[in-house]
Protein backbone atom coordinates (compact mmCIF):
# COMPACT_ATOMS: atom_id res chain seq x y z
CA SER A 1 -5.30 -2.35 -5.29
CA PHE A 2 -6.47 -5.30 -5.62
CA VAL A 3 -5.89 -6.36 -1.51
CA SER A 4 -6.21 -3.66 0.71
CA ARG A 5 -2.67 -2.54 3.19
CA LYS A 6 -5.15 -3.54 6.24
CA THR A 7 -5.72 -6.89 4.51
CA ILE A 8 -2.08 -7.43 3.62
CA VAL A 9 -0.52 -6.10 7.39
CA ILE A 10 -3.48 -8.50 9.26
CA LEU A 11 -2.42 -11.78 6.90
CA SER A 12 1.11 -11.03 7.12
CA TYR A 13 1.51 -10.67 10.93
CA LEU A 14 -1.43 -13.64 10.98
CA THR A 15 1.12 -16.11 8.83
CA LEU A 16 4.21 -14.76 11.13
CA GLY A 17 2.35 -15.96 14.14
CA VAL A 18 0.92 -19.52 12.36
CA MET A 19 4.33 -20.04 10.88
CA ALA A 20 6.21 -19.27 14.17
CA TYR A 21 4.50 -21.64 15.83
CA LEU A 22 4.55 -24.14 12.98
CA LEU A 23 8.19 -23.75 13.28
CA THR A 24 8.59 -25.04 17.06
CA THR A 25 6.68 -28.37 16.40
CA ILE A 26 8.32 -29.11 13.07
CA THR A 27 11.22 -31.17 12.46
CA ASP A 28 11.21 -31.85 8.94
CA ILE A 29 14.36 -29.84 7.50
CA PHE A 30 12.46 -29.24 4.23
CA LEU A 31 8.96 -27.64 5.93
CA ILE A 32 11.65 -26.11 8.33
CA ILE A 33 12.97 -24.33 5.06
CA VAL A 34 9.88 -23.51 3.54
CA ILE A 35 8.25 -22.06 6.82
CA MET A 36 11.36 -19.59 7.32
CA ILE A 37 10.73 -18.59 3.83
CA LEU A 38 7.06 -17.90 4.63
CA LEU A 39 8.24 -16.75 7.47
CA GLY A 40 10.60 -13.73 5.46
CA ILE A 41 7.98 -13.13 2.90
CA SER A 42 5.40 -12.61 5.23
CA SER A 43 8.04 -9.80 6.99
CA PHE A 44 9.02 -8.67 4.64
CA ILE A 45 5.72 -7.79 2.45
CA SER A 46 4.21 -6.18 5.45
CA PHE A 47 6.66 -3.35 5.67
CA PRO A 48 6.30 -1.84 2.43
CA ALA A 49 2.22 -2.10 3.54
CA ILE A 50 2.41 -0.70 6.99
CA PHE A 51 4.47 2.37 5.77
CA SER A 52 2.34 3.18 2.84
CA TYR A 53 -0.48 2.64 5.71
CA VAL A 54 1.25 4.68 7.87
CA SER A 55 1.26 7.92 5.45
CA GLU A 56 -2.41 7.54 4.62
CA LEU A 57 -3.04 7.70 8.38
CA THR A 58 -0.99 10.83 9.18
CA ASP A 59 -1.32 14.25 8.54
CA ASP A 60 1.72 15.64 6.59
CA PRO A 61 3.45 17.98 9.09
CA SER A 62 3.39 15.06 11.47
CA GLU A 63 4.23 12.24 8.90
CA GLY A 64 8.25 12.74 9.13
CA LYS A 65 8.42 12.43 13.09
CA THR A 66 6.07 9.63 12.70
CA PHE A 67 8.58 7.50 10.54
CA GLY A 68 11.36 8.14 12.24
CA TYR A 69 9.31 7.15 15.39
CA ILE A 70 8.51 4.14 13.34
CA PHE A 71 12.66 3.13 11.97
CA THR A 72 13.90 3.86 15.56
CA PHE A 73 11.26 1.56 17.23
CA GLN A 74 12.02 -1.00 14.39
CA LEU A 75 16.25 -0.52 14.86
CA GLY A 76 16.23 0.01 18.26
CA ILE A 77 14.02 -2.81 19.78
CA GLY A 78 14.87 -4.90 17.03
CA THR A 79 18.52 -4.93 17.98
CA LEU A 80 17.46 -5.63 21.28
CA LEU A 81 15.13 -8.15 21.18
CA LEU A 82 18.04 -10.21 19.17
CA PHE A 83 19.94 -9.85 22.26
CA ILE A 84 16.56 -11.28 24.34
CA SER A 85 15.82 -13.78 21.93
CA GLY A 86 19.34 -15.50 22.34
CA VAL A 87 19.39 -14.81 26.26
CA THR A 88 16.08 -16.70 25.77
CA ALA A 89 17.00 -19.67 23.94
CA ASP A 90 20.35 -20.14 25.98
CA ILE A 91 18.21 -20.44 29.29
CA TRP A 92 14.72 -22.16 27.75
CA GLY A 93 15.25 -23.48 24.60
CA ILE A 94 16.08 -22.63 21.25
CA TRP A 95 12.35 -22.64 20.11
CA THR A 96 11.16 -20.36 22.93
CA PRO A 97 11.98 -17.13 20.78
CA PHE A 98 9.87 -18.48 18.46
CA PHE A 99 7.05 -19.27 20.66
CA ILE A 100 7.18 -15.63 21.82
CA LEU A 101 7.11 -14.01 18.09
CA GLY A 102 4.41 -16.07 17.04
CA PHE A 103 2.22 -14.68 20.29
CA PHE A 104 3.43 -11.21 19.86
CA SER A 105 2.21 -11.85 16.01
CA LEU A 106 -0.58 -13.02 16.64
CA LEU A 107 -1.70 -10.23 19.39
CA THR A 108 -0.93 -7.89 16.78
CA ALA A 109 -2.64 -9.20 14.51
CA LEU A 110 -5.78 -9.42 16.54
CA LEU A 111 -5.38 -5.70 17.89
CA PHE A 112 -5.13 -4.44 14.33
CA ILE A 113 -8.52 -6.57 14.00
CA ILE A 114 -9.94 -4.83 16.50
CA ASN A 115 -9.01 -1.43 16.44
CA GLN A 116 -9.15 -1.54 11.95
CA SER A 117 -12.57 0.89 12.02
CA LYS A 118 -10.72 3.02 14.51
CA LEU A 119 -7.82 4.09 11.53
CA ARG A 120 -9.47 5.60 8.90
CA PRO A 121 -7.30 8.18 6.55
CA ILE A 122 -6.62 11.72 7.30
CA ALA A 123 -9.12 13.88 5.41
CA ILE A 124 -7.14 16.15 2.54
């Protein structure tokens, strides 16, 4: 492909982090809409790249279990994080969950950059 899956995942999480932080500082409604659109695009662009990358990195016998863990983590933790984000917004303000999202997105991108040399496809 023109852009590697690693690059897509890294750029996606960097975009999520930067856009989440920008969302906490910008008050213009048009820019907020643009930022929300970019948040959605970068989030949904990363999913196929991650799934393809995980498929490439895991061997056939453990691939199903790996995807099961990923989907369980996404759905389970995602649901819990919605609740935590609501409570956080009620206690410390509406922008606090976006600061947290930005931090973890940038941290994920950084960890992916640091560990990308260790992530190699399984030889078949």
